[in-house]
Protein backbone atom coordinates (compact mmCIF):
# COMPACT_ATOMS: atom_id res chain seq x y z
CA MET A 1 10.89 -8.60 11.77
CA SER A 2 7.70 -6.89 12.40
CA GLU A 3 9.52 -3.75 14.08
CA GLY A 4 8.51 -0.12 12.92
CA PHE A 5 4.79 -1.33 12.02
CA GLY A 6 3.19 0.57 15.21
CA GLN A 7 -0.32 -0.10 15.37
CA SER A 8 -0.76 -1.64 12.00
CA ASN A 9 -1.08 -5.92 12.13
CA TYR A 10 -2.96 -6.87 9.33
CA CYS A 11 -0.78 -6.88 6.37
CA TRP A 12 -2.78 -6.66 2.92
CA ASP A 13 0.03 -7.02 0.21
CA VAL A 14 3.97 -7.08 0.22
CA GLN A 15 5.73 -6.22 -2.93
CA SER A 16 9.22 -6.54 -3.46
CA ARG A 17 11.75 -4.57 -6.24
CA ASN A 18 15.32 -4.87 -6.13
CA GLY A 19 15.87 -6.11 -2.80
CA THR A 20 13.27 -3.32 -0.92
CA LEU A 21 10.08 -4.69 0.41
CA PHE A 22 6.74 -2.47 0.30
CA ALA A 23 3.84 -3.67 2.50
CA LEU A 24 0.45 -2.26 2.43
CA MET A 25 -0.70 -2.35 5.97
CA SER A 26 -3.89 -1.56 8.61
CA ALA A 27 -4.29 -1.96 11.87
CA ALA A 28 -7.73 -3.94 11.31
CA PHE A 29 -8.21 -7.21 12.91
CA GLY A 30 -8.99 -8.76 9.29
CA PRO A 31 -10.08 -8.43 5.63
CA TRP A 32 -13.43 -7.45 6.71
CA GLU A 33 -12.58 -4.90 9.06
CA LYS A 34 -12.41 -1.22 7.66
CA ASN A 35 -9.21 0.94 8.84
CA ARG A 36 -6.83 3.37 7.74
CA ALA A 37 -4.57 1.68 5.44
CA SER A 38 -0.80 2.52 5.82
CA ILE A 39 2.30 1.89 3.59
CA TYR A 40 5.55 0.57 4.45
CA ARG A 41 9.15 0.32 2.92
CA ARG A 42 12.44 -1.71 4.31
CA GLU A 43 15.54 -1.19 1.96
CA PRO A 44 17.61 -4.15 2.34
CA GLY A 45 19.14 -4.63 5.65
CA GLY A 46 17.13 -1.81 7.10
CA VAL A 47 14.20 -1.80 9.19
CA TRP A 48 10.75 -1.41 8.22
CA GLN A 49 9.63 2.36 7.92
CA GLN A 50 6.15 4.34 6.87
CA THR A 51 6.21 6.00 3.69
CA ALA A 52 4.32 9.75 3.81
CA ALA A 53 0.78 9.01 4.41
CA LEU A 54 -1.59 8.33 2.06
CA PRO A 55 -4.00 11.16 0.54
CA VAL A 56 -7.40 9.67 0.75
CA ASP A 57 -8.24 7.15 3.50
CA MET A 58 -8.24 3.51 2.18
CA VAL A 59 -10.09 0.43 3.07
CA ASN A 60 -10.51 -3.01 2.36
CA PRO A 61 -10.12 -4.83 -0.27
CA MET A 62 -7.00 -3.17 -1.06
CA ARG A 63 -3.98 -4.30 -3.45
CA LEU A 64 -0.02 -3.16 -4.03
CA HIS A 65 1.66 -2.86 -7.35
CA VAL A 66 5.56 -1.87 -7.16
CA GLN A 67 6.73 -1.36 -11.03
CA PRO A 68 10.48 -1.97 -11.83
CA SER A 69 10.69 1.76 -12.26
CA GLY A 70 10.27 2.02 -8.59
CA THR A 71 6.35 3.70 -9.13
CA VAL A 72 4.30 2.54 -6.50
CA TYR A 73 0.77 2.04 -6.59
CA ALA A 74 -2.26 1.61 -4.23
CA CYS A 75 -6.18 0.73 -4.50
CA ASN A 76 -9.38 -0.23 -3.86
CA LYS A 77 -11.20 3.23 -4.79
CA PRO A 78 -9.71 5.59 -5.73
CA ILE A 79 -6.25 4.54 -7.18
CA VAL A 80 -3.29 6.21 -5.30
CA ARG A 81 0.53 6.99 -7.20
CA SER A 82 4.33 7.27 -5.80
CA LEU A 83 6.85 8.28 -8.20
CA ASP A 84 9.36 8.37 -5.51
CA ASN A 85 8.93 5.00 -3.80
CA GLY A 86 6.20 6.28 -0.97
CA ASP A 87 8.14 9.80 -0.22
CA THR A 88 4.55 11.51 -2.13
CA TRP A 89 1.78 10.31 -3.10
CA GLU A 90 -0.78 11.49 -5.49
CA VAL A 91 -4.34 10.19 -6.36
CA LEU A 92 -5.28 9.07 -9.88
CA GLN A 93 -8.91 10.29 -11.36
CA THR A 94 -9.63 7.42 -12.93
CA ASP A 95 -13.89 7.68 -12.74
CA LEU A 96 -14.24 3.97 -12.10
CA PRO A 97 -17.60 2.80 -11.38
CA ASP A 98 -18.58 2.23 -7.59
CA ASN A 99 -18.65 -1.10 -8.18
CA THR A 100 -14.82 -1.77 -9.35
CA THR A 101 -13.16 -4.55 -7.80
CA PHE A 102 -9.51 -5.40 -8.04
CA GLN A 103 -7.89 -8.72 -8.17
CA TRP A 104 -4.53 -10.32 -9.19
CA LEU A 105 -3.85 -11.49 -12.57
CA SER A 106 -1.73 -14.34 -12.95
C-alpha cells in the first residue's frame, strides 16, 4: 500500500475524490518535526505517485482539501492550489496573519 512514497513516512492528511486518493506526506517522524511536504495521488487500481513539487516549503501543521471539481488545496501558510489534480501548483496570496492556524470544520 505504501509503495511510491519514497522517504515520506508521516501522513498529515488523506482526501478522496471520485475514487482517487490524495495524501499529504512528509519525511517527519511526528507532528512537531519539521520536514518538507509532498503530495501523492493514487488512481483507482493504481499505485501512489508524487504530484508536481509544491512551489514552497510546507511544514507542520498542514491540511489538504480536494474539491469535487478536482481543485486541490494544501495549506499551513501559505496556501497552495492545483487546478489539475496536482500536475501544477500556485501560491495563493491571502494576506493571512502569521499566527493563522487551520483546523477541520465539521
